[in-house]
C-alpha cells in the first residue's frame, strides 16, 4: 500500500531546467524525512538533496548546490526537486526516498521507482 511515485523526468539540453515531483501515499507523509537520490550508469547511488520533517533542515550534494532546490508540501504529500542549469553529468535515474526511525531506532524507508533525466545536446 505504501507508494512513492516520481514524475517530471525528460530529455533536456545543457543549461535547461526540470521540476521533478514525488507523491507519497499509504503512510503519514509529514512524519517522514524526504530525499532525492540519483543513480547514473557506472556510478554508485548518491544523495542529491534531503529535507527533514518538523524543523525542515535541508542538505545538498556539493555538485548540485546553487542549481537544485528541494521543497515539500505535506498537505499534498509531495516532495519536489527543481533542477536548473542542468549539465550532462546530471544524467541519471532520480529516485524519491522517505525514511523514519521506529521506536527501536531502526530506520524504515520507502523508495519510488525512479524517473529518467537525460541532459544532452
Protein backbone atom coordinates (compact mmCIF):
# COMPACT_ATOMS: atom_id res chain seq x y z
CA UNK A 1 0.00 0.00 0.00
CA UNK A 2 2.92 2.36 0.57
CA UNK A 3 3.81 4.12 -2.67
CA UNK A 4 6.16 6.82 -3.88
CA UNK A 5 5.61 7.86 -7.48
CA UNK A 6 8.05 10.15 -9.26
CA UNK A 7 7.34 12.20 -12.37
CA UNK A 8 8.85 15.02 -14.42
CA UNK A 9 11.93 13.38 -15.90
CA UNK A 10 12.71 14.21 -19.52
CA UNK A 11 15.38 14.79 -22.16
CA UNK A 12 16.74 18.34 -21.97
CA UNK A 13 19.70 20.27 -23.38
CA UNK A 14 22.55 21.51 -21.18
CA UNK A 15 21.51 24.65 -19.33
CA UNK A 16 17.86 23.62 -19.27
CA UNK A 17 15.56 23.09 -16.31
CA UNK A 18 13.26 20.38 -14.98
CA UNK A 19 10.99 20.03 -11.97
CA UNK A 20 10.60 16.56 -10.51
CA UNK A 21 7.68 15.57 -8.29
CA UNK A 22 7.20 12.64 -5.92
CA UNK A 23 3.78 11.85 -4.46
CA UNK A 24 3.53 9.58 -1.42
CA UNK A 25 0.58 7.51 -0.26
CA UNK A 26 -0.15 4.81 2.31
CA UNK A 27 1.82 6.46 5.13
CA UNK A 28 1.85 9.65 7.18
CA UNK A 29 3.93 11.81 4.87
CA UNK A 30 4.54 14.60 7.40
CA UNK A 31 6.29 12.19 9.80
CA UNK A 32 8.98 11.27 7.28
CA UNK A 33 12.15 12.87 6.05
CA UNK A 34 12.22 13.05 2.26
CA UNK A 35 15.21 12.78 -0.05
CA UNK A 36 16.14 12.66 -3.71
CA UNK A 37 18.83 10.24 -4.86
CA UNK A 38 20.23 9.60 -8.31
CA UNK A 39 21.88 6.61 -9.94
CA UNK A 40 23.88 7.08 -13.12
CA UNK A 41 25.37 4.27 -15.24
CA UNK A 42 28.71 3.14 -13.85
CA UNK A 43 28.31 5.13 -10.65
CA UNK A 44 27.04 4.45 -7.14
CA UNK A 45 23.71 5.80 -5.99
CA UNK A 46 24.22 9.19 -4.38
CA UNK A 47 22.18 11.56 -2.25
CA UNK A 48 21.21 14.67 -4.20
CA UNK A 49 19.06 16.56 -1.70
CA UNK A 50 17.31 15.92 1.61
CA UNK A 51 14.53 17.65 3.53
CA UNK A 52 13.73 16.52 7.08
CA UNK A 53 10.29 16.73 8.64
CA UNK A 54 9.45 19.06 11.51
CA UNK A 55 12.07 21.78 11.55
CA UNK A 56 12.77 21.43 7.86
CA UNK A 57 16.54 21.00 7.71
CA UNK A 58 17.95 20.73 4.20
CA UNK A 59 21.14 19.42 2.67
CA UNK A 60 22.51 19.13 -0.87
CA UNK A 61 25.28 17.34 -2.64
CA UNK A 62 28.16 19.70 -3.42
CA UNK A 63 27.73 19.03 -7.13
CA UNK A 64 24.20 20.49 -7.19
CA UNK A 65 24.40 23.34 -4.67
CA UNK A 66 23.17 26.58 -6.19
CA UNK A 67 21.43 24.75 -9.04
CA UNK A 68 18.91 22.39 -7.41
CA UNK A 69 16.23 23.17 -4.82
CA UNK A 70 14.24 20.65 -2.77
CA UNK A 71 10.85 21.55 -1.33
CA UNK A 72 7.90 19.71 0.19
CA UNK A 73 4.17 20.24 0.55
CA UNK A 74 2.90 17.93 3.28
CA UNK A 75 -0.72 18.88 2.58
CA UNK A 76 -0.24 17.26 -0.84
CA UNK A 77 2.14 14.52 0.34
CA UNK A 78 4.57 15.71 -2.30
CA UNK A 79 8.28 16.50 -2.46
CA UNK A 80 9.77 18.43 -5.38
CA UNK A 81 13.20 18.87 -6.91
CA UNK A 82 13.69 21.98 -9.04
CA UNK A 83 16.74 21.48 -11.26
CA UNK A 84 18.27 24.44 -13.10
CA UNK A 85 21.40 24.88 -15.20
CA UNK A 86 21.44 21.18 -15.95
CA UNK A 87 24.69 19.53 -17.04
CA UNK A 88 25.33 16.26 -18.89
CA UNK A 89 26.74 14.79 -15.67
CA UNK A 90 23.30 15.23 -14.09
CA UNK A 91 22.02 12.45 -16.34
CA UNK A 92 20.66 9.67 -14.12
CA UNK A 93 17.61 7.93 -12.79
CA UNK A 94 16.28 10.10 -9.98
CA UNK A 95 14.73 8.27 -7.03
CA UNK A 96 12.49 9.51 -4.24
CA UNK A 97 13.05 8.20 -0.70
CA UNK A 98 11.07 8.53 2.54
CA UNK A 99 12.51 7.47 5.90
CA UNK A 100 11.81 7.48 9.63
CA UNK A 101 13.16 5.79 12.77
CA UNK A 102 10.85 3.47 14.70
CA UNK A 103 10.82 3.06 18.49
CA UNK A 104 13.94 0.86 18.38
CA UNK A 105 15.70 3.47 16.22
CA UNK A 106 15.64 1.12 13.26
CA UNK A 107 15.37 3.09 10.04
CA UNK A 108 12.30 2.39 7.93
CA UNK A 109 12.44 3.62 4.37
CA UNK A 110 10.47 3.52 1.14
CA UNK A 111 11.64 4.02 -2.42
CA UNK A 112 9.98 5.11 -5.62
CA UNK A 113 10.65 3.50 -8.99
CA UNK A 114 12.58 6.46 -10.35
CA UNK A 115 12.27 8.90 -13.23
CA UNK A 116 14.86 9.29 -16.00
CA UNK A 117 16.62 12.61 -16.52
CA UNK A 118 18.82 12.91 -19.60
CA UNK A 119 20.87 16.04 -20.32
CA UNK A 120 22.37 16.02 -23.80
CA UNK A 121 22.98 18.31 -26.76
